[in-house]
Amino acid sequence: MSSQVRGGTRWKRFAVVMVPSVIATAAVGVGLAQGALAASFSVSGQEFKVSADELEGYDFVQYGSVATESGADPKVAGKAHAVAVSGFSKAYITNMCQSVVTPNLPFGLGTITMRLEAGGKGHDRVYAKDLYLDVSQLEADARFKNIDIGVAAGSLKTGKPGSIGIQPGTQADPNGFSQRAEEAVLTGVHQKAWATTAGTFNLSGLKLSLNKGTDKECY
């Protein structure tokens, strides 16, 4: 399988809304062993945490992929990460929080946590269009409408529920494991992710802060 590169260390690595997705079960690990995952893409060497009271997403799709740290030697272990890529045609997020920790900064700054919040009390929900998330861990309560589990990834590009399909610019084995649903609602979300992309984001009541130490992480 050929490899393509997408993403990279861009401002949206921090500032674009980081919303939850549903982790693809053991099928992600099986896909790795069989070489049946999407083409790898480049990320920074840091995960970030996300929490939200609720995510309401439509035309949900999910498939396995690999996130490779930017500039990594493919022969060096520990620089590639299995992820579940989840897509939504549109999503609404209530009380979103994202945090990323940067350790060992120079000039005596030490460890700094960047915290971003939006869609909280008194503000509209965060809105995202054509949203894709590359997630390594998720804890939440989930409810799905008309879900299909174990769908061939190639069928995600049809006009059926979940027709948002594979993210443009990436590839996936058309016979690889995937799933889709008309609607997904997640509550009490705690998530770790490597990257997020979207066509449009509206963040009402946006707040960003830099804090010493790690006690200001989202969870």
Protein backbone atom coordinates (compact mmCIF):
# COMPACT_ATOMS: atom_id res chain seq x y z
CA MET A 1 0.00 0.00 0.00
CA SER A 2 1.37 3.39 -0.94
CA SER A 3 1.79 6.12 1.65
CA GLN A 4 0.60 9.71 1.49
CA VAL A 5 1.16 12.57 3.88
CA ARG A 6 -1.51 14.93 5.18
CA GLY A 7 -1.87 17.24 8.14
CA GLY A 8 1.31 18.37 9.86
CA THR A 9 2.04 20.69 12.74
CA ARG A 10 -0.28 23.59 11.90
CA TRP A 11 -2.19 26.05 14.08
CA LYS A 12 -5.28 23.84 13.88
CA ARG A 13 -3.27 21.18 15.72
CA PHE A 14 -4.10 23.40 18.73
CA ALA A 15 -6.93 25.78 17.88
CA VAL A 16 -9.36 23.70 15.82
CA VAL A 17 -12.05 22.08 17.96
CA MET A 18 -11.03 18.66 19.25
CA VAL A 19 -14.21 16.66 19.54
CA PRO A 20 -14.71 13.02 20.39
CA SER A 21 -15.03 10.05 18.09
CA VAL A 22 -15.92 6.43 18.66
CA ILE A 23 -12.80 4.26 18.87
CA ALA A 24 -12.80 1.36 16.39
CA THR A 25 -12.52 -1.76 18.61
CA ALA A 26 -9.90 -4.45 18.13
CA ALA A 27 -10.47 -4.22 14.39
CA VAL A 28 -7.92 -1.38 14.29
CA GLY A 29 -5.24 -3.69 15.65
CA VAL A 30 -6.27 -6.44 13.25
CA GLY A 31 -6.11 -3.99 10.38
CA LEU A 32 -2.56 -3.06 11.32
CA ALA A 33 -1.48 -6.69 11.21
CA GLN A 34 -3.11 -7.18 7.81
CA GLY A 35 -1.89 -3.90 6.33
CA ALA A 36 -5.51 -2.88 5.78
CA LEU A 37 -5.38 0.65 7.21
CA ALA A 38 -5.51 4.05 5.59
CA ALA A 39 -2.36 5.73 4.37
CA SER A 40 -0.24 7.25 7.13
CA PHE A 41 -0.09 10.98 7.77
CA SER A 42 2.23 13.30 9.67
CA VAL A 43 1.54 14.67 13.18
CA SER A 44 3.52 16.37 15.92
CA GLY A 45 4.92 14.23 18.72
CA GLN A 46 2.22 15.22 21.24
CA GLU A 47 -1.28 13.99 21.95
CA PHE A 48 -3.86 16.38 23.38
CA LYS A 49 -6.81 15.88 25.72
CA VAL A 50 -10.41 16.83 24.99
CA SER A 51 -13.54 16.89 27.10
CA ALA A 52 -17.12 17.84 26.20
CA ASP A 53 -20.50 17.60 27.84
CA GLU A 54 -22.02 16.41 24.56
CA LEU A 55 -21.21 15.85 20.88
CA GLU A 56 -24.13 15.58 18.44
CA GLY A 57 -22.80 14.44 15.05
CA TYR A 58 -24.39 13.49 11.73
CA ASP A 59 -23.34 11.14 8.88
CA PHE A 60 -20.80 9.40 11.09
CA VAL A 61 -18.08 7.22 9.54
CA GLN A 62 -15.04 5.52 11.08
CA TYR A 63 -12.03 3.56 9.84
CA GLY A 64 -8.52 2.70 11.04
CA SER A 65 -5.37 4.62 10.18
CA VAL A 66 -1.80 5.34 11.28
CA ALA A 67 -0.45 8.66 12.56
CA THR A 68 3.30 9.04 12.04
CA GLU A 69 5.27 11.70 13.87
CA SER A 70 6.63 14.37 11.55
CA GLY A 71 10.09 13.57 10.21
CA ALA A 72 10.12 10.12 11.81
CA ASP A 73 12.29 7.33 10.42
CA PRO A 74 9.88 4.47 9.56
CA LYS A 75 12.54 2.03 10.78
CA VAL A 76 12.46 3.52 14.30
CA ALA A 77 9.84 2.04 16.63
CA GLY A 78 7.54 4.24 18.71
CA LYS A 79 7.01 7.01 16.13
CA ALA A 80 3.84 5.59 14.54
CA HIS A 81 0.47 5.45 16.31
CA ALA A 82 -2.68 3.48 15.53
CA VAL A 83 -5.71 5.78 15.45
CA ALA A 84 -9.42 5.60 14.70
CA VAL A 85 -10.39 8.24 12.14
CA SER A 86 -13.97 9.42 12.61
CA GLY A 87 -15.82 11.73 10.24
CA PHE A 88 -19.01 13.78 10.53
CA SER A 89 -20.73 15.89 7.89
CA LYS A 90 -21.64 18.26 10.74
CA ALA A 91 -21.32 18.24 14.52
CA TYR A 92 -22.45 20.34 17.49
CA ILE A 93 -20.39 20.33 20.70
CA THR A 94 -21.49 21.53 24.13
CA ASN A 95 -18.93 22.85 26.65
CA MET A 96 -15.82 21.84 24.75
CA CYS A 97 -12.38 21.88 26.38
CA GLN A 98 -9.01 21.04 24.84
CA SER A 99 -5.63 20.96 26.57
CA VAL A 100 -2.09 20.14 25.50
CA VAL A 101 0.95 19.93 27.80
CA THR A 102 4.38 21.11 26.65
CA PRO A 103 7.09 20.00 29.12
CA ASN A 104 10.59 21.33 29.81
CA LEU A 105 10.38 24.76 28.20
CA PRO A 106 13.58 26.86 28.46
CA PHE A 107 14.23 30.03 30.48
CA GLY A 108 12.85 28.44 33.64
CA LEU A 109 9.32 28.18 32.27
CA GLY A 110 9.15 24.45 32.89
CA THR A 111 5.91 22.65 31.96
CA ILE A 112 3.12 24.71 30.38
CA THR A 113 -0.47 23.63 29.71
CA MET A 114 -2.43 25.35 26.96
CA ARG A 115 -6.20 25.19 27.59
CA LEU A 116 -8.86 26.12 25.05
CA GLU A 117 -12.59 26.32 25.86
CA ALA A 118 -15.69 27.14 23.79
CA GLY A 119 -19.42 26.48 23.64
CA GLY A 120 -19.89 26.83 27.41
CA LYS A 121 -22.74 28.24 29.49
CA GLY A 122 -24.30 31.33 27.92
CA HIS A 123 -22.86 30.61 24.46
CA ASP A 124 -23.95 28.74 21.34
CA ARG A 125 -22.68 25.21 20.84
CA VAL A 126 -19.48 24.78 18.84
CA TYR A 127 -20.32 23.95 15.22
CA ALA A 128 -18.08 21.95 12.85
CA LYS A 129 -18.60 20.98 9.20
CA ASP A 130 -16.79 18.13 7.39
CA LEU A 131 -15.06 17.11 10.59
CA TYR A 132 -12.39 14.37 10.84
CA LEU A 133 -10.75 13.24 14.10
CA ASP A 134 -7.73 11.00 14.66
CA VAL A 135 -8.24 9.50 18.11
CA SER A 136 -6.27 7.06 20.27
CA GLN A 137 -8.51 6.86 23.37
CA LEU A 138 -12.12 7.67 24.26
CA GLU A 139 -14.40 7.43 27.28
CA ALA A 140 -18.05 8.46 26.83
CA ASP A 141 -21.66 7.30 26.77
CA ALA A 142 -22.79 6.86 23.16
CA ARG A 143 -26.06 6.54 21.26
CA PHE A 144 -26.30 5.78 17.53
CA LYS A 145 -29.10 5.94 14.97
CA ASN A 146 -29.10 3.35 12.16
CA ILE A 147 -25.55 2.12 12.71
CA ASP A 148 -23.77 -0.36 10.42
CA ILE A 149 -20.72 -2.07 11.99
CA GLY A 150 -18.20 -3.99 9.89
CA VAL A 151 -18.88 -2.17 6.63
CA ALA A 152 -16.22 -2.37 3.91
CA ALA A 153 -14.38 0.96 3.85
CA GLY A 154 -14.94 1.29 0.11
CA SER A 155 -18.70 1.48 0.63
CA LEU A 156 -18.38 4.62 2.76
CA LYS A 157 -18.25 6.64 -0.46
CA THR A 158 -21.76 5.61 -1.45
CA GLY A 159 -24.87 7.74 -0.95
CA LYS A 160 -25.98 5.75 2.10
CA PRO A 161 -25.92 6.96 5.74
CA GLY A 162 -22.37 7.99 6.57
CA SER A 163 -21.74 9.15 3.00
CA ILE A 164 -19.15 11.70 4.11
CA GLY A 165 -16.69 8.92 3.22
CA ILE A 166 -12.92 8.58 3.59
CA GLN A 167 -11.14 11.87 4.17
CA PRO A 168 -10.01 13.47 0.89
CA GLY A 169 -6.27 13.09 0.32
CA THR A 170 -6.02 9.77 2.16
CA GLN A 171 -6.43 6.18 1.06
CA ALA A 172 -7.96 3.10 2.65
CA ASP A 173 -8.24 -0.54 1.71
CA PRO A 174 -11.71 -0.76 0.11
CA ASN A 175 -12.22 -4.10 1.90
CA GLY A 176 -10.97 -2.82 5.27
CA PHE A 177 -13.11 -2.60 8.43
CA SER A 178 -15.26 0.49 8.94
CA GLN A 179 -18.58 1.57 10.44
CA ARG A 180 -21.17 4.27 9.83
CA ALA A 181 -24.37 5.73 11.29
CA GLU A 182 -26.89 8.44 10.49
CA GLU A 183 -26.38 10.08 13.87
CA ALA A 184 -24.08 9.71 16.89
CA VAL A 185 -24.60 11.40 20.27
CA LEU A 186 -21.81 11.17 22.86
CA THR A 187 -22.06 12.51 26.42
CA GLY A 188 -19.51 12.90 29.21
CA VAL A 189 -16.62 12.78 26.75
CA HIS A 190 -12.96 12.30 27.71
CA GLN A 191 -10.67 11.80 24.73
CA LYS A 192 -7.03 11.72 23.61
CA ALA A 193 -6.27 12.62 19.99
CA TRP A 194 -3.38 13.22 17.60
CA ALA A 195 -5.06 15.49 15.03
CA THR A 196 -8.35 17.09 13.98
CA THR A 197 -9.36 18.72 10.69
CA ALA A 198 -12.55 20.40 9.51
CA GLY A 199 -13.88 22.54 6.71
CA THR A 200 -15.62 25.04 9.01
CA PHE A 201 -15.53 25.77 12.75
CA ASN A 202 -17.63 28.23 14.72
CA LEU A 203 -16.40 28.58 18.30
CA SER A 204 -18.70 30.70 20.47
CA GLY A 205 -17.23 32.07 23.71
CA LEU A 206 -13.68 31.04 22.85
CA LYS A 207 -11.21 31.21 25.75
CA LEU A 208 -7.50 30.35 25.60
CA SER A 209 -5.06 30.32 28.51
CA LEU A 210 -1.48 29.24 29.25
CA ASN A 211 -0.86 27.80 32.70
CA LYS A 212 2.18 26.48 34.56
CA GLY A 213 2.12 22.80 35.46
CA THR A 214 -0.54 20.23 34.53
CA ASP A 215 -3.40 21.00 36.93
CA LYS A 216 -5.32 22.90 34.21
CA GLU A 217 -5.73 19.98 31.84
CA CYS A 218 -9.32 19.33 30.73
CA TYR A 219 -9.43 16.14 32.79
